[in-house]
Protein backbone atom coordinates (compact mmCIF):
# COMPACT_ATOMS: atom_id res chain seq x y z
CA MET A 1 0.03 -0.17 0.20
CA VAL A 2 1.11 3.22 -0.96
CA ASP A 3 2.46 5.94 2.03
CA ALA A 4 -0.69 9.14 1.37
CA ALA A 5 1.18 11.07 2.94
CA ARG A 6 4.06 10.48 1.38
CA GLY A 7 2.35 9.35 -2.54
CA ASN A 8 3.99 6.93 -4.65
CA CYS A 9 6.74 8.72 -6.66
CA GLU A 10 9.94 11.92 -5.72
CA TRP A 11 8.24 14.64 -7.27
CA ARG A 12 11.33 15.64 -10.08
CA VAL A 13 10.28 19.77 -10.90
CA ALA A 14 11.56 21.76 -13.89
CA PRO A 15 13.13 24.14 -13.37
CA ASP A 16 10.87 27.26 -13.60
CA ASN A 17 11.29 28.86 -17.67
CA ARG A 18 8.50 31.27 -16.99
CA ALA A 19 10.13 34.44 -18.22
CA GLU A 20 11.77 32.80 -21.33
CA ALA A 21 8.19 30.68 -21.78
CA LEU A 22 5.90 33.69 -21.48
CA ALA A 23 8.66 34.99 -23.56
CA LEU A 24 7.47 32.19 -26.64
CA ALA A 25 4.22 32.32 -25.67
CA ARG A 26 3.84 36.10 -26.86
CA SER A 27 4.89 34.93 -30.09
CA LEU A 28 2.93 32.00 -30.70
CA ASP A 29 -0.18 33.34 -29.37
CA ILE A 30 -0.24 30.01 -26.92
CA ALA A 31 -0.62 29.72 -23.71
CA PRO A 32 2.47 30.17 -21.04
CA ALA A 33 1.52 27.09 -19.71
CA VAL A 34 1.84 25.27 -23.46
CA ALA A 35 4.85 26.69 -24.03
CA ARG A 36 7.13 26.11 -20.24
CA VAL A 37 6.00 21.94 -21.72
CA LEU A 38 7.34 23.73 -25.36
CA LEU A 39 10.65 25.15 -23.95
CA LEU A 40 10.95 22.00 -22.05
CA ARG A 41 10.70 19.39 -24.57
CA GLY A 42 13.57 21.55 -26.89
CA ALA A 43 11.54 24.32 -29.28
CA THR A 44 14.27 27.02 -27.54
CA THR A 45 13.18 28.84 -30.29
CA VAL A 46 10.10 30.37 -32.49
CA ASP A 47 11.20 28.44 -35.15
CA VAL A 48 12.08 25.04 -33.79
CA ALA A 49 8.87 25.61 -32.04
CA ARG A 50 6.73 25.16 -35.33
CA ARG A 51 8.78 23.46 -36.49
CA PHE A 52 7.64 20.88 -33.62
CA LEU A 53 4.07 21.55 -33.47
CA ASN A 54 3.87 21.69 -37.82
CA PRO A 55 4.86 18.39 -39.22
CA SER A 56 5.75 18.53 -42.41
CA GLU A 57 6.94 15.31 -44.79
CA SER A 58 9.29 18.22 -46.46
CA LEU A 59 11.18 17.92 -42.99
CA PHE A 60 12.82 14.75 -42.95
CA SER A 61 16.14 14.34 -44.36
CA ASP A 62 16.92 12.80 -47.38
CA PRO A 63 17.28 8.90 -46.98
CA PHE A 64 20.68 8.85 -49.13
CA LEU A 65 22.16 10.26 -46.05
CA LEU A 66 21.98 6.85 -44.81
CA THR A 67 25.44 4.02 -45.42
CA ASP A 68 24.68 2.19 -48.02
CA MET A 69 21.74 3.40 -49.09
CA ARG A 70 22.67 4.17 -52.48
CA ARG A 71 24.32 0.13 -52.82
CA ALA A 72 20.79 -0.59 -52.14
CA VAL A 73 18.68 1.03 -54.43
CA ASP A 74 21.14 0.15 -57.47
CA ARG A 75 21.32 -3.78 -56.42
CA ILE A 76 17.01 -3.46 -56.05
CA ALA A 77 17.10 -2.23 -59.60
CA THR A 78 19.47 -4.63 -60.40
CA ALA A 79 17.00 -6.80 -59.43
CA ARG A 80 14.21 -4.79 -61.36
CA GLU A 81 16.03 -5.08 -64.71
CA ARG A 82 16.35 -9.25 -64.44
CA ALA A 83 13.17 -10.14 -62.68
CA GLU A 84 14.61 -11.85 -59.98
CA THR A 85 13.13 -12.73 -56.48
CA VAL A 86 13.08 -11.01 -53.71
CA LEU A 87 12.31 -12.14 -50.07
CA VAL A 88 11.67 -9.48 -47.34
CA PHE A 89 12.35 -11.64 -44.41
CA GLY A 90 11.39 -9.89 -40.71
CA ASP A 91 10.80 -9.99 -37.21
CA TYR A 92 8.04 -10.81 -35.51
CA ASP A 93 6.97 -7.99 -33.97
CA VAL A 94 4.92 -5.03 -34.06
CA ASP A 95 8.09 -3.31 -35.79
CA GLY A 96 9.03 -5.86 -37.74
CA ILE A 97 5.51 -6.62 -38.78
CA SER A 98 4.85 -3.55 -40.04
CA GLY A 99 8.36 -2.62 -41.79
CA THR A 100 7.69 -5.91 -43.54
CA ALA A 101 4.35 -4.58 -45.30
CA LEU A 102 5.45 -1.21 -46.00
CA LEU A 103 8.59 -2.56 -47.74
CA ILE A 104 6.29 -4.96 -49.59
CA ARG A 105 4.18 -2.58 -50.52
CA GLY A 106 6.72 -0.13 -51.86
CA LEU A 107 9.15 -2.67 -53.89
CA ARG A 108 5.64 -3.95 -55.80
CA ARG A 109 5.06 -0.07 -56.51
CA TYR A 110 8.25 -0.24 -58.21
CA GLY A 111 7.98 -2.78 -60.16
CA ILE A 112 9.73 -5.76 -58.36
CA GLU A 113 6.72 -8.48 -59.60
CA HIS A 114 8.46 -11.87 -57.64
CA CYS A 115 8.37 -10.46 -54.01
CA LEU A 116 7.92 -12.65 -51.53
CA TYR A 117 8.07 -12.67 -47.54
CA GLY A 118 8.93 -14.66 -44.29
CA MET A 119 10.04 -14.86 -40.65
CA PRO A 120 10.00 -16.50 -37.86
CA ASN A 121 8.38 -18.87 -35.91
CA ARG A 122 9.42 -17.17 -32.18
CA LEU A 123 8.41 -19.92 -30.29
CA VAL A 124 10.07 -22.45 -32.53
CA GLU A 125 13.75 -20.05 -34.65
CA GLY A 126 13.56 -17.13 -32.57
CA TYR A 127 14.88 -14.33 -33.60
CA GLY A 128 15.96 -13.39 -36.17
CA LEU A 129 17.73 -13.99 -39.67
CA SER A 130 18.59 -17.68 -39.67
CA PRO A 131 21.29 -19.56 -42.42
CA ASP A 132 18.34 -23.14 -42.36
CA ARG A 133 15.78 -19.83 -43.26
CA VAL A 134 18.82 -18.92 -46.05
CA GLU A 135 18.85 -22.52 -47.53
CA TRP A 136 14.42 -22.51 -47.18
CA ALA A 137 14.73 -19.11 -50.30
CA ARG A 138 17.15 -20.26 -52.19
CA GLY A 139 14.32 -23.46 -52.28
CA LEU A 140 12.39 -20.80 -53.56
CA GLY A 141 14.47 -18.97 -55.90
CA VAL A 142 15.78 -15.81 -54.12
CA SER A 143 18.51 -14.34 -55.33
CA LEU A 144 18.22 -11.39 -53.25
CA ILE A 145 17.05 -11.86 -48.81
CA ILE A 146 16.01 -8.08 -47.68
CA THR A 147 15.56 -8.17 -43.74
CA VAL A 148 13.32 -5.32 -41.86
CA ASP A 149 13.97 -5.34 -38.03
CA ASN A 150 16.48 -7.83 -37.59
CA GLY A 151 19.66 -8.77 -39.61
CA THR A 152 22.47 -7.49 -37.75
CA ALA A 153 23.34 -10.12 -35.91
CA ALA A 154 22.26 -13.20 -37.84
CA LEU A 155 25.94 -13.36 -39.73
CA ASP A 156 26.35 -16.50 -40.25
CA ALA A 157 23.03 -16.53 -42.08
CA LEU A 158 24.98 -13.76 -43.32
CA ASP A 159 27.78 -16.54 -44.51
CA ARG A 160 25.34 -18.68 -45.50
CA ALA A 161 23.89 -17.01 -47.93
CA LYS A 162 27.19 -14.85 -49.81
CA GLN A 163 28.47 -19.03 -49.82
CA LEU A 164 25.01 -19.65 -51.46
CA ASN A 165 25.00 -16.75 -54.23
CA ILE A 166 22.93 -14.78 -52.65
CA ASP A 167 22.74 -11.18 -52.39
CA THR A 168 21.89 -9.86 -49.48
CA ILE A 169 20.53 -6.38 -47.44
CA VAL A 170 20.46 -5.35 -44.00
CA THR A 171 17.49 -2.67 -43.01
CA ASP A 172 17.89 -2.54 -38.95
CA HIS A 173 18.46 -0.50 -35.98
CA HIS A 174 19.31 -3.09 -33.80
CA LEU A 175 22.90 -1.63 -31.51
CA ILE A 176 25.85 -3.52 -33.78
CA GLU A 177 27.67 -5.10 -31.06
CA ASN A 178 29.92 -7.88 -33.52
CA GLY A 179 31.13 -5.26 -36.27
CA VAL A 180 28.75 -4.84 -39.56
CA PRO A 181 28.48 -7.98 -40.76
CA ASP A 182 29.44 -8.67 -44.03
CA ALA A 183 25.83 -7.72 -46.87
CA LEU A 184 26.10 -6.27 -49.65
CA ALA A 185 24.59 -2.64 -48.13
CA VAL A 186 23.51 -2.37 -44.26
CA ILE A 187 21.43 0.29 -43.61
CA ASN A 188 21.66 0.76 -39.99
CA PRO A 189 21.02 4.07 -38.11
CA LYS A 190 23.46 2.92 -35.11
CA ARG A 191 26.15 3.48 -38.26
CA GLU A 192 25.66 7.59 -37.91
CA PRO A 193 26.36 9.84 -35.63
CA ASN A 194 24.97 10.67 -32.45
CA ASP A 195 23.32 13.36 -34.64
CA HIS A 196 22.19 11.98 -37.38
CA PRO A 197 18.91 12.72 -38.53
CA ALA A 198 17.64 9.63 -38.88
CA ALA A 199 19.76 8.20 -35.35
CA ASN A 200 16.42 7.27 -33.91
CA LEU A 201 14.69 5.42 -36.46
CA CYS A 202 13.49 2.40 -35.25
CA GLY A 203 13.11 -1.13 -37.87
CA SER A 204 10.00 0.52 -39.93
CA GLY A 205 11.19 3.69 -40.25
CA VAL A 206 14.48 1.91 -42.22
CA ALA A 207 12.30 0.47 -43.75
CA LEU A 208 10.29 4.17 -45.29
CA LYS A 209 13.76 5.81 -45.58
CA LEU A 210 14.81 2.23 -48.46
CA VAL A 211 11.19 2.96 -50.50
CA HIS A 212 11.24 7.06 -50.36
CA ALA A 213 14.91 6.39 -51.94
CA LEU A 214 13.47 3.45 -53.98
CA THR A 215 10.61 5.59 -55.61
CA GLY A 216 10.49 9.27 -54.86
CA GLU A 217 7.36 9.15 -52.07
CA TRP A 218 6.13 9.28 -48.96
CA ARG A 219 3.55 6.96 -48.90
CA ASP A 220 2.30 4.47 -45.31
CA LEU A 221 3.12 6.26 -43.10
CA ASP A 222 0.64 4.73 -41.26
CA LEU A 223 3.06 1.75 -41.17
CA ALA A 224 5.42 3.46 -39.92
CA ALA A 225 3.79 5.03 -37.34
CA LEU A 226 3.37 1.49 -35.81
CA GLY A 227 5.95 0.66 -35.50
CA THR A 228 7.29 3.32 -34.20
CA VAL A 229 4.77 3.85 -31.68
CA ALA A 230 5.03 -0.04 -30.90
CA ASP A 231 8.99 -0.04 -30.15
CA VAL A 232 9.27 2.36 -28.05
CA VAL A 233 11.40 4.60 -29.59
CA PRO A 234 12.27 8.33 -29.25
CA LEU A 235 9.30 10.54 -30.74
CA ILE A 236 11.31 13.28 -31.99
CA GLY A 237 13.27 14.85 -35.33
CA GLU A 238 11.73 12.12 -37.21
CA ASN A 239 10.02 10.06 -35.23
CA ARG A 240 7.73 12.53 -34.00
CA ASP A 241 6.83 13.57 -37.80
CA ILE A 242 6.89 9.52 -39.07
CA VAL A 243 3.91 9.34 -35.59
CA ALA A 244 2.35 12.77 -36.55
CA LEU A 245 1.77 11.73 -39.97
CA GLY A 246 1.15 8.48 -40.51
CA LEU A 247 -2.16 8.93 -38.27
CA ARG A 248 -2.60 11.02 -40.59
CA HIS A 249 -2.79 9.02 -43.33
CA ALA A 250 -4.00 6.27 -41.31
CA ALA A 251 -7.31 8.61 -41.39
CA ALA A 252 -7.08 9.59 -44.90
CA SER A 253 -6.40 6.19 -46.86
CA LYS A 254 -8.75 3.66 -43.99
CA ARG A 255 -6.27 0.95 -44.83
CA VAL A 256 -8.89 -2.02 -44.09
CA GLY A 257 -6.55 -3.84 -41.96
CA LEU A 258 -6.08 -0.83 -39.80
CA VAL A 259 -9.98 0.13 -39.92
CA GLU A 260 -10.89 -3.67 -39.42
CA LEU A 261 -8.38 -4.35 -35.95
CA ALA A 262 -9.84 -0.56 -34.68
CA ALA A 263 -13.33 -1.60 -35.06
CA ILE A 264 -12.29 -4.81 -32.98
CA ALA A 265 -11.14 -2.85 -30.11
CA LYS A 266 -14.56 -0.09 -30.41
CA LEU A 267 -12.00 3.15 -31.62
CA ALA A 268 -12.45 4.38 -35.36
CA VAL A 269 -9.57 4.53 -36.89
CA ASP A 270 -9.79 8.94 -38.27
CA GLU A 271 -9.31 9.27 -34.26
CA ILE A 272 -6.09 6.57 -33.72
CA ARG A 273 -3.75 8.18 -30.90
CA SER A 274 -0.30 7.26 -30.51
CA GLU A 275 -2.34 5.62 -26.77
CA ASP A 276 -3.97 3.71 -28.86
CA ILE A 277 -1.43 2.59 -30.71
CA ALA A 278 0.29 1.51 -27.29
CA PHE A 279 -2.34 0.06 -26.15
CA GLN A 280 -5.06 -1.27 -28.19
CA ILE A 281 -3.87 -1.48 -32.28
CA ALA A 282 0.14 -2.93 -31.37
CA PRO A 283 -0.88 -5.57 -28.71
CA ARG A 284 -2.50 -7.53 -30.75
CA ILE A 285 -0.13 -7.22 -34.45
CA ASN A 286 2.36 -8.42 -31.55
CA ALA A 287 -0.33 -10.90 -30.06
CA GLY A 288 1.02 -13.28 -33.55
CA GLY A 289 3.99 -12.86 -33.11
CA ARG A 290 4.13 -13.19 -29.21
CA MET A 291 2.34 -16.46 -29.32
CA GLY A 292 4.03 -18.04 -32.64
CA ASP A 293 3.15 -16.34 -35.53
CA GLY A 294 3.19 -12.88 -36.74
CA LEU A 295 2.10 -13.54 -40.52
CA THR A 296 -1.05 -13.05 -40.01
CA GLY A 297 -0.28 -9.35 -38.32
CA LEU A 298 1.63 -9.32 -41.56
CA GLU A 299 -1.29 -10.17 -44.02
CA LEU A 300 -3.54 -8.33 -42.20
CA LEU A 301 -2.24 -4.90 -43.18
CA LEU A 302 -1.43 -5.96 -46.60
CA THR A 303 -4.52 -7.60 -46.89
CA GLU A 304 -6.92 -4.78 -49.57
CA SER A 305 -9.91 -7.65 -48.54
CA ALA A 306 -12.54 -6.35 -46.02
CA GLN A 307 -13.86 -9.44 -44.96
CA GLU A 308 -10.35 -10.70 -45.84
CA ALA A 309 -9.39 -8.33 -42.81
CA ARG A 310 -12.35 -9.36 -40.56
CA VAL A 311 -11.54 -12.43 -40.09
CA MET A 312 -7.53 -12.32 -39.69
CA ALA A 313 -8.67 -8.85 -37.28
CA GLU A 314 -10.58 -11.89 -35.43
CA GLU A 315 -7.82 -14.38 -34.64
CA LEU A 316 -5.79 -11.34 -33.57
CA ASP A 317 -8.40 -10.61 -30.29
CA ALA A 318 -8.74 -13.78 -30.04
CA ALA A 319 -4.69 -14.57 -29.56
CA ASN A 320 -4.70 -11.64 -27.80
CA GLU A 321 -7.03 -12.36 -25.76
CA GLU A 322 -4.92 -15.97 -25.20
CA ARG A 323 -2.04 -13.47 -24.41
CA LYS A 324 -3.35 -12.19 -21.63
CA SER A 325 -5.03 -15.20 -19.88
CA ILE A 326 -0.98 -16.61 -20.07
CA GLU A 327 0.13 -13.27 -18.63
CA SER A 328 -2.15 -13.20 -15.97
CA GLU A 329 -1.29 -16.60 -14.95
CA THR A 330 2.40 -16.27 -15.24
CA LEU A 331 2.31 -13.11 -13.79
CA SER A 332 0.39 -14.62 -10.64
CA GLU A 333 1.93 -17.53 -10.55
CA ALA A 334 5.51 -14.73 -10.04
CA LEU A 335 3.66 -13.03 -8.05
CA ALA A 336 3.46 -15.59 -5.16
CA MET A 337 7.12 -16.54 -5.83
CA LEU A 338 8.25 -13.12 -4.12
CA LYS A 339 5.79 -13.49 -1.81
CA ASN A 340 7.53 -15.94 -0.07
CA SER A 341 11.67 -14.82 -1.24
CA PHE A 342 11.83 -10.98 -1.87
CA ALA A 343 14.09 -9.28 0.82
CA PRO A 344 13.51 -5.47 0.68
CA GLU A 345 16.98 -4.98 0.74
CA GLN A 346 17.19 -6.71 -3.04
CA ARG A 347 18.48 -4.99 -5.13
CA SER A 348 17.25 -6.90 -8.86
CA ILE A 349 14.54 -10.00 -9.35
CA VAL A 350 15.31 -12.93 -10.85
CA LEU A 351 12.45 -15.82 -11.55
CA ALA A 352 12.78 -18.69 -14.01
CA SER A 353 10.45 -21.93 -14.21
CA ARG A 354 9.43 -23.77 -16.64
CA GLU A 355 5.49 -23.56 -16.87
CA TRP A 356 6.40 -19.89 -18.82
CA HIS A 357 5.88 -19.31 -22.23
CA ARG A 358 8.23 -17.01 -24.12
CA GLY A 359 6.50 -14.84 -25.74
CA VAL A 360 4.38 -13.37 -22.27
CA ILE A 361 7.59 -13.04 -20.17
CA GLY A 362 8.67 -9.50 -21.30
CA ILE A 363 4.72 -8.10 -20.59
CA VAL A 364 5.31 -9.93 -17.36
CA ALA A 365 8.93 -9.02 -16.37
CA SER A 366 7.54 -5.26 -17.30
CA ARG A 367 4.86 -5.91 -14.78
CA ILE A 368 6.76 -6.86 -11.70
CA GLN A 369 8.93 -4.26 -12.35
CA ALA A 370 6.55 -1.07 -12.64
CA HIS A 371 4.86 -3.10 -8.77
CA TYR A 372 8.97 -3.59 -6.80
CA TYR A 373 11.03 -0.54 -8.54
CA ARG A 374 13.78 -3.56 -9.37
CA PRO A 375 15.27 -4.49 -12.57
CA VAL A 376 13.02 -7.71 -13.58
CA ILE A 377 15.08 -10.70 -15.84
CA LEU A 378 12.29 -13.33 -16.46
CA VAL A 379 13.26 -16.71 -17.00
CA ALA A 380 10.78 -19.42 -19.36
CA MET A 381 13.56 -22.48 -19.22
CA ASP A 382 12.47 -25.86 -21.44
CA ASN A 383 12.74 -28.95 -20.52
CA ASP A 384 16.14 -29.49 -21.99
CA GLY A 385 16.31 -27.20 -18.85
CA VAL A 386 17.61 -24.08 -21.64
CA GLY A 387 16.02 -21.03 -20.74
CA ARG A 388 15.11 -17.60 -22.61
CA GLY A 389 15.17 -14.47 -20.51
CA SER A 390 13.51 -11.19 -20.82
CA ALA A 391 15.12 -8.54 -18.78
CA ARG A 392 13.31 -4.55 -17.94
CA SER A 393 14.41 -2.20 -15.86
CA ILE A 394 14.33 0.95 -14.15
CA ALA A 395 15.52 4.23 -14.66
CA GLY A 396 19.59 5.10 -13.97
CA PHE A 397 20.13 1.20 -14.32
CA ASN A 398 21.61 -0.17 -17.76
CA ILE A 399 19.95 -3.34 -17.57
CA ALA A 400 22.52 -4.81 -21.05
CA SER A 401 25.68 -3.65 -19.55
CA ALA A 402 24.95 -4.96 -15.99
CA ILE A 403 23.98 -9.11 -17.74
CA GLU A 404 27.02 -8.10 -19.69
CA THR A 405 29.18 -8.46 -16.86
CA CYS A 406 27.53 -11.59 -15.80
CA LYS A 407 28.02 -13.36 -19.33
CA GLU A 408 30.37 -16.37 -18.16
CA HIS A 409 27.16 -17.98 -17.00
CA LEU A 410 25.01 -16.93 -20.17
CA ASP A 411 25.30 -18.39 -23.38
CA ALA A 412 23.97 -15.76 -25.26
CA SER A 413 22.61 -12.76 -24.29
CA GLY A 414 21.84 -8.50 -25.86
CA GLY A 415 19.47 -5.08 -25.81
CA HIS A 416 19.89 -1.99 -24.79
CA ALA A 417 19.81 0.28 -21.35
CA MET A 418 16.26 -0.48 -20.86
CA ALA A 419 15.78 -4.29 -22.29
CA ALA A 420 16.82 -7.29 -22.98
CA GLY A 421 17.22 -10.55 -23.68
CA LEU A 422 19.22 -13.12 -22.64
CA THR A 423 19.87 -17.10 -22.93
CA VAL A 424 21.38 -19.55 -20.06
CA ARG A 425 21.67 -22.45 -18.85
CA GLU A 426 19.46 -24.50 -15.57
CA GLU A 427 23.02 -25.45 -14.21
CA LYS A 428 23.97 -21.62 -14.06
CA LEU A 429 20.94 -20.17 -13.50
CA SER A 430 21.57 -19.83 -8.91
CA ALA A 431 24.47 -18.24 -9.94
CA PHE A 432 23.40 -15.94 -12.90
CA ARG A 433 21.22 -14.51 -10.78
CA ARG A 434 24.06 -14.23 -7.60
CA ALA A 435 26.37 -12.68 -10.36
CA PHE A 436 24.02 -9.78 -11.62
CA GLU A 437 22.31 -8.88 -8.23
CA ASP A 438 26.27 -7.90 -7.25
CA ALA A 439 25.35 -6.43 -9.92
CA ALA A 440 22.55 -3.67 -9.31
CA CYS A 441 23.84 -3.96 -5.97
CA ALA A 442 26.86 -1.63 -7.26
CA ALA A 443 24.97 0.16 -9.26
CA LEU A 444 21.56 1.61 -7.19
CA PRO A 445 22.17 2.94 -4.02
CA ARG A 446 21.46 1.95 -1.01
CA GLY A 447 17.67 2.08 0.95
CA GLU A 448 14.52 1.95 -0.61
CA LEU A 449 14.37 3.06 -4.24
CA ARG A 450 11.50 5.05 -5.61
CA ARG A 451 10.84 5.82 -8.47
CA VAL A 452 10.38 9.78 -10.75
CA LEU A 453 8.09 11.44 -11.74
CA ASP A 454 9.34 14.52 -14.44
CA ILE A 455 6.60 16.75 -13.59
CA ASP A 456 7.15 20.01 -16.17
CA ALA A 457 4.98 22.74 -13.94
CA GLN A 458 3.73 23.53 -10.99
CA VAL A 459 0.68 25.29 -11.87
CA SER A 460 -2.56 27.27 -10.85
CA LEU A 461 -5.35 25.48 -11.34
CA THR A 462 -6.81 28.10 -12.63
CA GLU A 463 -4.47 27.84 -15.52
CA MET A 464 -6.37 24.29 -16.20
CA ASP A 465 -8.93 25.76 -18.83
CA MET A 466 -10.33 24.80 -21.85
CA ARG A 467 -8.02 26.81 -24.20
CA LEU A 468 -5.43 26.03 -22.93
CA VAL A 469 -5.74 21.94 -23.07
CA ARG A 470 -6.61 21.53 -26.72
CA THR A 471 -3.71 23.53 -26.86
CA LEU A 472 -1.86 21.08 -25.12
CA ASP A 473 -3.14 18.25 -27.89
CA LYS A 474 -1.16 19.81 -30.82
CA LEU A 475 2.13 18.50 -28.94
CA GLN A 476 0.79 15.14 -30.26
CA PRO A 477 1.74 12.44 -30.18
CA PHE A 478 2.73 11.28 -27.16
CA GLY A 479 5.07 8.87 -26.57
CA GLN A 480 9.14 8.69 -25.12
CA GLY A 481 10.65 11.41 -25.55
CA ASN A 482 7.81 13.18 -25.38
CA PRO A 483 5.25 12.02 -22.34
CA ALA A 484 2.32 13.67 -22.11
CA PRO A 485 2.66 16.47 -19.91
CA VAL A 486 2.67 16.70 -16.64
CA PHE A 487 1.81 19.55 -14.25
CA CYS A 488 2.25 19.46 -10.11
CA ALA A 489 -0.89 22.24 -7.87
CA TYR A 490 0.52 22.42 -3.88
CA GLY A 491 -2.03 22.81 -1.90
CA VAL A 492 -5.47 21.97 -3.42
CA ARG A 493 -7.72 21.14 -1.33
CA ALA A 494 -11.01 19.51 -1.71
CA ALA A 495 -14.62 20.03 -1.73
CA ALA A 496 -16.24 18.74 0.51
CA ASP A 497 -17.91 15.57 0.42
CA SER A 498 -16.43 15.01 -3.29
CA TRP A 499 -14.01 12.20 -2.54
CA ARG A 500 -15.67 8.98 -4.31
CA GLU A 501 -14.20 5.10 -4.02
CA LEU A 502 -15.47 3.87 -8.15
CA ARG A 503 -15.28 0.29 -9.14
CA GLY A 504 -11.89 -0.68 -10.21
CA GLY A 505 -10.30 0.99 -6.57
CA HIS A 506 -10.11 4.30 -8.32
CA LEU A 507 -10.66 7.33 -6.91
CA LYS A 508 -12.37 10.79 -8.01
CA VAL A 509 -12.76 14.05 -5.72
CA VAL A 510 -13.56 17.76 -7.13
CA VAL A 511 -10.17 20.25 -6.72
CA LYS A 512 -10.57 23.61 -5.91
CA ASP A 513 -8.29 26.78 -5.89
CA GLY A 514 -10.51 29.97 -4.97
CA PRO A 515 -14.05 29.61 -6.70
CA LYS A 516 -12.29 27.25 -9.95
CA LEU A 517 -14.08 23.11 -8.85
CA ILE A 518 -11.86 20.46 -11.66
CA ASP A 519 -13.03 17.18 -10.23
CA ALA A 520 -9.59 14.86 -10.82
CA ILE A 521 -9.93 10.71 -11.28
CA GLY A 522 -6.35 9.13 -9.97
CA PHE A 523 -6.06 5.08 -11.63
CA ARG A 524 -5.99 2.17 -8.53
CA MET A 525 -4.71 5.37 -6.00
CA ALA A 526 -8.52 4.41 -3.68
CA ASP A 527 -6.15 2.45 -0.53
CA ARG A 528 -5.15 6.15 -0.60
CA LEU A 529 -8.34 7.43 0.89
CA PRO A 530 -8.55 6.64 3.84
CA ALA A 531 -5.40 9.03 4.38
CA LEU A 532 -6.11 11.80 2.23
CA THR A 533 -10.24 12.85 3.44
CA ARG A 534 -8.48 13.50 6.18
CA ALA A 535 -6.10 15.84 4.85
CA ASP A 536 -6.23 19.68 5.54
CA ALA A 537 -4.89 20.20 1.56
CA ILE A 538 -3.04 18.07 -0.86
CA ASP A 539 -0.18 17.95 -3.50
CA ILE A 540 -1.15 16.15 -7.23
CA ALA A 541 1.04 16.01 -9.76
CA PHE A 542 -1.44 16.12 -13.76
CA ALA A 543 -1.86 15.37 -16.69
CA PRO A 544 -5.63 17.64 -17.86
CA GLN A 545 -7.44 15.64 -20.08
CA LEU A 546 -10.86 16.96 -21.37
CA ASN A 547 -14.37 14.88 -20.79
CA THR A 548 -17.32 14.07 -22.66
CA TRP A 549 -19.94 13.43 -20.39
CA ARG A 550 -24.08 13.08 -22.33
CA GLY A 551 -22.73 16.22 -24.60
CA ASP A 552 -20.46 18.23 -21.85
CA THR A 553 -17.20 18.81 -22.34
CA THR A 554 -15.17 19.53 -19.20
CA VAL A 555 -10.71 19.76 -17.84
CA GLN A 556 -10.53 16.97 -15.98
CA LEU A 557 -6.97 16.16 -14.33
CA VAL A 558 -6.09 13.11 -14.27
CA LEU A 559 -3.70 12.49 -11.36
CA LYS A 560 -0.60 10.55 -11.61
CA ASP A 561 0.45 10.75 -7.85
CA VAL A 562 -1.29 12.52 -4.53
CA ARG A 563 0.20 13.21 -1.69
CA VAL A 564 -0.85 14.74 1.86
CA ALA A 565 0.43 18.12 1.41
CA ALA A 566 3.41 19.33 4.23
CA ARG A 567 1.74 21.90 7.21
């Protein structure tokens, strides 16, 4: 239970920038609170702020600035001239699926008549292009393989392709840990300087660049937006433009696969936002890959038939329900383990079971991290005693680097600061668990670990009006690197008898600042009600939004944290 006097997080309020914000607000004719957020997002001049607020295809960088792009385009041009058979081989997650669909569509428009596609079965083959898949491609008469969202680490597969005289073009965005692979072309933003305009692209973003280099068109931006949101890359620069324009493209094109999938999620495709992709659309597309086969999601994005799309959307929805059921069981089992074994002084959590499904352990690890606020690794052991693990981290702890210090106990590992994967044998699990705890103890501070809530500005509730909230909406799309603005107000009072507990463990209250009254809702915060109802005043951290009920639209505050105000 959260201590209501302290809240759930450490609040980190951004430095006061009101003076600079006032000048920006006047130039752009926006509310000062919005200008304060723009400054914190790096929009420090009027021109940069206008670019931030007005995404455009004209702002995309030249795709030929990416290393090996010219070599890739020339080889694909040769494939078109010779009527070669080309294989597009994608990853099984949303980024790989949407990027593969985007590239297939682009190659077909470009004139590649024999364009095949494939992706690995997650449970049977694991991640990426394999030598066996290269052999499979040769049997289909393939002379050129183009990867999407994989290939950088597929050294053995690329070597086998070379032995079989099959050319390879790698399009990927993952870290290059063992040198640039031996392919005809390797298009990967990780090869570029950190200040490269395309440095933060995901796999579908790289596929978009390749298609633009081939055709000169910026089409299928909605597909690139799916992958960009789902892969949680920073929504800044070109990624922000891709998602903003992609959402508009989704509304205009009404791609039948998205229309049907949105309908199942009770969404209208012309009203989809980035958070809808993250929490409704992407999990359903991902479900096929998580449960084994990502091809249904790919074919959903390729089909032109509404009837076919409806059937595939229903299949993915069913797979997602199965995924949620398995995830719930796995979470319950993991929490039961921790109830009997977790010690508050622990700095990490490593759990394993032969009963767990490899497709859900990453999601469950994230849930446990959120509950315990520790770096978490869950391992699904197979019957041969070989475990595949998914790792999720907390702020300030590079989990991939920590796992690297324990590599003597592992068969394989890879990842980045906040998420990683590994392979560990059952007999080495205990030694790995100890080594990983040592790494966590060395890197994390002593004492209580508490998550940090970043707050854009302290404000008065009188600033929270309809105009401000509508202007904040122009900062969309929100996500990693461009979070939804969070504000705080201190010493706020609750209107008399306004505290309510809602079904599902939520709370609701009417807060006031002088004559100003605003509804506020706190999801899964009802356990704090006993202390809060006795408080003279409260501090609130919140995201303002518009709420429409029975035709009446008002401002509502979604509480991110709430605590008893200091006296």
